[in-house]
Amino acid sequence: MADNLLDGKTEEELWVDYKVSRDPRIRDTFIEQYAPLVKYVAGKVAMGMPHNVEFDDLVGFGVFGLFDAIEKFDPDKHVKFKTYAVTRIRGAIFD
């Protein structure tokens, strides 16, 4: 979190702020934080795919799932973002 406005806030506070403001700096922070999750999910999915499916393609589709998860996540539902995001990322890869 390079930006001073983001320093010192909990992830929960950032989600509340993002839901209200849609600040691209907060979104970028979430993308940076959860990018490794996309690679993890893509790796798991890749194990069940034919060998001609490129891992980088799976990651690319997974990134769209991460973007979608960030936009649609509702912190009021009391579900961890990581749990929600894994479902969205996996769905985007399979779609």
N, C-alpha and C. Protein backbone atom coordinates (compact mmCIF):
# COMPACT_ATOMS: atom_id res chain seq x y z
N MET A 1 0.84 -1.17 0.00
CA MET A 1 0.00 0.00 0.00
C MET A 1 0.89 1.24 0.00
N ALA A 2 1.24 1.68 -1.14
CA ALA A 2 2.18 2.77 -1.28
C ALA A 2 1.57 4.12 -0.95
N ASP A 3 0.29 4.29 -1.14
CA ASP A 3 -0.37 5.57 -0.96
C ASP A 3 -0.64 5.83 0.52
N ASN A 4 -0.33 7.05 0.99
CA ASN A 4 -0.52 7.38 2.40
C ASN A 4 -1.97 7.27 2.83
N LEU A 5 -2.92 7.49 1.93
CA LEU A 5 -4.34 7.38 2.29
C LEU A 5 -4.72 5.95 2.66
N LEU A 6 -3.95 4.99 2.15
CA LEU A 6 -4.28 3.59 2.39
C LEU A 6 -3.53 3.01 3.58
N ASP A 7 -2.44 3.64 3.97
CA ASP A 7 -1.61 3.12 5.06
C ASP A 7 -2.38 3.12 6.38
N GLY A 8 -2.18 2.05 7.13
CA GLY A 8 -2.76 1.99 8.46
C GLY A 8 -4.21 1.53 8.52
N LYS A 9 -4.83 1.32 7.38
CA LYS A 9 -6.22 0.86 7.38
C LYS A 9 -6.26 -0.65 7.27
N THR A 10 -7.23 -1.24 7.93
CA THR A 10 -7.41 -2.68 7.81
C THR A 10 -8.06 -2.98 6.46
N GLU A 11 -7.96 -4.23 6.06
CA GLU A 11 -8.61 -4.62 4.81
C GLU A 11 -10.11 -4.38 4.88
N GLU A 12 -10.71 -4.64 6.02
CA GLU A 12 -12.15 -4.43 6.18
C GLU A 12 -12.50 -2.95 5.97
N GLU A 13 -11.67 -2.06 6.52
CA GLU A 13 -11.91 -0.63 6.34
C GLU A 13 -11.76 -0.23 4.88
N LEU A 14 -10.78 -0.83 4.21
CA LEU A 14 -10.59 -0.53 2.78
C LEU A 14 -11.79 -0.98 1.96
N TRP A 15 -12.37 -2.14 2.30
CA TRP A 15 -13.54 -2.62 1.56
C TRP A 15 -14.72 -1.66 1.73
N VAL A 16 -14.91 -1.18 2.96
CA VAL A 16 -16.00 -0.22 3.20
C VAL A 16 -15.76 1.05 2.40
N ASP A 17 -14.52 1.55 2.43
CA ASP A 17 -14.17 2.75 1.66
C ASP A 17 -14.38 2.53 0.17
N TYR A 18 -13.95 1.35 -0.32
CA TYR A 18 -14.05 1.08 -1.75
C TYR A 18 -15.51 0.98 -2.20
N LYS A 19 -16.33 0.37 -1.36
CA LYS A 19 -17.74 0.21 -1.70
C LYS A 19 -18.40 1.57 -1.91
N VAL A 20 -17.99 2.55 -1.12
CA VAL A 20 -18.55 3.90 -1.20
C VAL A 20 -17.90 4.72 -2.32
N SER A 21 -16.56 4.69 -2.39
CA SER A 21 -15.83 5.62 -3.26
C SER A 21 -15.44 5.06 -4.62
N ARG A 22 -15.29 3.75 -4.71
CA ARG A 22 -14.76 3.11 -5.93
C ARG A 22 -13.41 3.71 -6.34
N ASP A 23 -12.63 4.07 -5.33
CA ASP A 23 -11.31 4.68 -5.55
C ASP A 23 -10.40 3.68 -6.26
N PRO A 24 -9.87 4.05 -7.44
CA PRO A 24 -9.02 3.12 -8.19
C PRO A 24 -7.73 2.75 -7.44
N ARG A 25 -7.29 3.60 -6.52
CA ARG A 25 -6.09 3.27 -5.74
C ARG A 25 -6.37 2.10 -4.80
N ILE A 26 -7.56 2.07 -4.25
CA ILE A 26 -7.94 0.95 -3.38
C ILE A 26 -8.08 -0.31 -4.22
N ARG A 27 -8.75 -0.20 -5.37
CA ARG A 27 -8.90 -1.35 -6.27
C ARG A 27 -7.54 -1.92 -6.65
N ASP A 28 -6.60 -1.04 -7.01
CA ASP A 28 -5.26 -1.49 -7.40
C ASP A 28 -4.55 -2.19 -6.25
N THR A 29 -4.80 -1.73 -5.03
CA THR A 29 -4.22 -2.38 -3.86
C THR A 29 -4.75 -3.80 -3.73
N PHE A 30 -6.05 -3.98 -3.93
CA PHE A 30 -6.64 -5.32 -3.86
C PHE A 30 -6.11 -6.21 -4.98
N ILE A 31 -5.97 -5.66 -6.18
CA ILE A 31 -5.45 -6.44 -7.31
C ILE A 31 -4.04 -6.93 -7.00
N GLU A 32 -3.22 -6.03 -6.50
CA GLU A 32 -1.84 -6.39 -6.16
C GLU A 32 -1.80 -7.44 -5.06
N GLN A 33 -2.65 -7.27 -4.07
CA GLN A 33 -2.66 -8.19 -2.93
C GLN A 33 -3.13 -9.59 -3.33
N TYR A 34 -4.12 -9.67 -4.23
CA TYR A 34 -4.72 -10.96 -4.55
C TYR A 34 -4.27 -11.56 -5.87
N ALA A 35 -3.34 -10.92 -6.57
CA ALA A 35 -2.82 -11.49 -7.82
C ALA A 35 -2.23 -12.90 -7.62
N PRO A 36 -1.50 -13.15 -6.53
CA PRO A 36 -0.99 -14.51 -6.34
C PRO A 36 -2.10 -15.56 -6.22
N LEU A 37 -3.26 -15.15 -5.74
CA LEU A 37 -4.39 -16.07 -5.63
C LEU A 37 -4.84 -16.54 -7.01
N VAL A 38 -4.77 -15.65 -8.00
CA VAL A 38 -5.14 -16.02 -9.37
C VAL A 38 -4.22 -17.12 -9.87
N LYS A 39 -2.92 -16.96 -9.66
CA LYS A 39 -1.96 -17.99 -10.10
C LYS A 39 -2.19 -19.30 -9.38
N TYR A 40 -2.51 -19.23 -8.10
CA TYR A 40 -2.78 -20.43 -7.32
C TYR A 40 -3.98 -21.19 -7.89
N VAL A 41 -5.08 -20.47 -8.11
CA VAL A 41 -6.30 -21.10 -8.63
C VAL A 41 -6.04 -21.64 -10.04
N ALA A 42 -5.35 -20.86 -10.87
CA ALA A 42 -5.05 -21.31 -12.23
C ALA A 42 -4.21 -22.58 -12.21
N GLY A 43 -3.28 -22.66 -11.28
CA GLY A 43 -2.46 -23.87 -11.15
C GLY A 43 -3.28 -25.08 -10.78
N LYS A 44 -4.22 -24.90 -9.87
CA LYS A 44 -5.10 -26.01 -9.48
C LYS A 44 -5.98 -26.45 -10.64
N VAL A 45 -6.54 -25.48 -11.37
CA VAL A 45 -7.40 -25.79 -12.51
C VAL A 45 -6.59 -26.45 -13.62
N ALA A 46 -5.36 -25.99 -13.82
CA ALA A 46 -4.50 -26.51 -14.90
C ALA A 46 -4.25 -28.01 -14.76
N MET A 47 -4.24 -28.50 -13.55
CA MET A 47 -3.97 -29.93 -13.33
C MET A 47 -5.02 -30.82 -13.99
N GLY A 48 -6.23 -30.32 -14.11
CA GLY A 48 -7.30 -31.11 -14.71
C GLY A 48 -7.54 -30.79 -16.17
N MET A 49 -6.71 -29.94 -16.75
CA MET A 49 -6.90 -29.51 -18.14
C MET A 49 -5.99 -30.30 -19.08
N PRO A 50 -6.38 -30.38 -20.35
CA PRO A 50 -5.48 -31.00 -21.34
C PRO A 50 -4.17 -30.21 -21.44
N HIS A 51 -3.13 -30.88 -21.91
CA HIS A 51 -1.80 -30.26 -21.98
C HIS A 51 -1.72 -29.11 -22.96
N ASN A 52 -2.64 -29.04 -23.92
CA ASN A 52 -2.59 -27.96 -24.90
C ASN A 52 -3.16 -26.64 -24.38
N VAL A 53 -3.70 -26.64 -23.16
CA VAL A 53 -4.21 -25.41 -22.54
C VAL A 53 -3.04 -24.71 -21.86
N GLU A 54 -2.81 -23.46 -22.23
CA GLU A 54 -1.68 -22.69 -21.70
C GLU A 54 -2.00 -22.16 -20.30
N PHE A 55 -1.06 -22.31 -19.40
CA PHE A 55 -1.21 -21.79 -18.03
C PHE A 55 -1.44 -20.28 -18.04
N ASP A 56 -0.69 -19.58 -18.89
CA ASP A 56 -0.83 -18.11 -18.95
C ASP A 56 -2.23 -17.69 -19.40
N ASP A 57 -2.85 -18.48 -20.26
CA ASP A 57 -4.22 -18.18 -20.66
C ASP A 57 -5.17 -18.33 -19.47
N LEU A 58 -4.95 -19.37 -18.68
CA LEU A 58 -5.79 -19.58 -17.49
C LEU A 58 -5.62 -18.41 -16.52
N VAL A 59 -4.39 -17.96 -16.34
CA VAL A 59 -4.14 -16.82 -15.45
C VAL A 59 -4.84 -15.58 -15.99
N GLY A 60 -4.76 -15.37 -17.31
CA GLY A 60 -5.41 -14.21 -17.92
C GLY A 60 -6.91 -14.20 -17.67
N PHE A 61 -7.54 -15.35 -17.85
CA PHE A 61 -8.98 -15.44 -17.58
C PHE A 61 -9.26 -15.25 -16.09
N GLY A 62 -8.37 -15.78 -15.26
CA GLY A 62 -8.52 -15.65 -13.82
C GLY A 62 -8.45 -14.21 -13.35
N VAL A 63 -7.62 -13.41 -14.02
CA VAL A 63 -7.52 -11.98 -13.67
C VAL A 63 -8.87 -11.29 -13.89
N PHE A 64 -9.55 -11.66 -14.97
CA PHE A 64 -10.89 -11.09 -15.19
C PHE A 64 -11.82 -11.48 -14.04
N GLY A 65 -11.69 -12.69 -13.56
CA GLY A 65 -12.49 -13.13 -12.42
C GLY A 65 -12.17 -12.34 -11.16
N LEU A 66 -10.89 -12.02 -10.97
CA LEU A 66 -10.49 -11.21 -9.81
C LEU A 66 -11.09 -9.81 -9.92
N PHE A 67 -11.01 -9.19 -11.10
CA PHE A 67 -11.61 -7.87 -11.31
C PHE A 67 -13.11 -7.91 -10.98
N ASP A 68 -13.77 -8.94 -11.49
CA ASP A 68 -15.21 -9.09 -11.26
C ASP A 68 -15.51 -9.27 -9.77
N ALA A 69 -14.69 -10.06 -9.10
CA ALA A 69 -14.89 -10.30 -7.67
C ALA A 69 -14.73 -9.00 -6.88
N ILE A 70 -13.74 -8.20 -7.24
CA ILE A 70 -13.52 -6.92 -6.54
C ILE A 70 -14.73 -6.01 -6.73
N GLU A 71 -15.24 -5.95 -7.95
CA GLU A 71 -16.37 -5.07 -8.23
C GLU A 71 -17.66 -5.52 -7.54
N LYS A 72 -17.85 -6.83 -7.40
CA LYS A 72 -19.12 -7.34 -6.89
C LYS A 72 -19.10 -7.75 -5.42
N PHE A 73 -17.93 -7.70 -4.80
CA PHE A 73 -17.83 -8.14 -3.41
C PHE A 73 -18.63 -7.22 -2.49
N ASP A 74 -19.36 -7.83 -1.57
CA ASP A 74 -20.14 -7.08 -0.60
C ASP A 74 -19.66 -7.43 0.81
N PRO A 75 -18.90 -6.52 1.44
CA PRO A 75 -18.37 -6.83 2.77
C PRO A 75 -19.46 -7.01 3.83
N ASP A 76 -20.66 -6.54 3.55
CA ASP A 76 -21.76 -6.68 4.50
C ASP A 76 -22.27 -8.12 4.63
N LYS A 77 -21.88 -8.97 3.69
CA LYS A 77 -22.35 -10.37 3.73
C LYS A 77 -21.51 -11.25 4.65
N HIS A 78 -20.46 -10.68 5.22
CA HIS A 78 -19.62 -11.39 6.19
C HIS A 78 -19.01 -12.68 5.64
N VAL A 79 -18.56 -12.60 4.40
CA VAL A 79 -17.81 -13.68 3.77
C VAL A 79 -16.42 -13.13 3.50
N LYS A 80 -15.40 -13.95 3.70
CA LYS A 80 -14.04 -13.47 3.42
C LYS A 80 -13.90 -13.24 1.92
N PHE A 81 -13.19 -12.17 1.56
CA PHE A 81 -13.01 -11.87 0.14
C PHE A 81 -12.30 -13.02 -0.56
N LYS A 82 -11.30 -13.58 0.08
CA LYS A 82 -10.52 -14.66 -0.55
C LYS A 82 -11.43 -15.82 -0.94
N THR A 83 -12.35 -16.19 -0.07
CA THR A 83 -13.28 -17.28 -0.36
C THR A 83 -14.16 -16.93 -1.55
N TYR A 84 -14.68 -15.72 -1.56
CA TYR A 84 -15.53 -15.24 -2.65
C TYR A 84 -14.73 -15.18 -3.95
N ALA A 85 -13.52 -14.65 -3.87
CA ALA A 85 -12.70 -14.46 -5.07
C ALA A 85 -12.33 -15.78 -5.72
N VAL A 86 -12.00 -16.79 -4.93
CA VAL A 86 -11.63 -18.09 -5.50
C VAL A 86 -12.76 -18.61 -6.39
N THR A 87 -13.97 -18.49 -5.93
CA THR A 87 -15.13 -18.94 -6.71
C THR A 87 -15.25 -18.16 -8.01
N ARG A 88 -15.11 -16.84 -7.94
CA ARG A 88 -15.22 -15.99 -9.13
C ARG A 88 -14.07 -16.26 -10.11
N ILE A 89 -12.88 -16.43 -9.59
CA ILE A 89 -11.71 -16.69 -10.44
C ILE A 89 -11.85 -18.02 -11.15
N ARG A 90 -12.22 -19.05 -10.39
CA ARG A 90 -12.39 -20.39 -10.99
C ARG A 90 -13.49 -20.34 -12.05
N GLY A 91 -14.58 -19.66 -11.76
CA GLY A 91 -15.67 -19.55 -12.72
C GLY A 91 -15.24 -18.85 -14.00
N ALA A 92 -14.46 -17.79 -13.87
CA ALA A 92 -13.98 -17.06 -15.06
C ALA A 92 -13.06 -17.93 -15.90
N ILE A 93 -12.24 -18.73 -15.26
CA ILE A 93 -11.33 -19.63 -15.98
C ILE A 93 -12.14 -20.68 -16.75
N PHE A 94 -13.12 -21.28 -16.10
CA PHE A 94 -13.91 -22.31 -16.77
C PHE A 94 -14.81 -21.74 -17.87
N ASP A 95 -15.29 -20.52 -17.68
CA ASP A 95 -16.12 -19.89 -18.71
C ASP A 95 -15.30 -19.66 -19.96
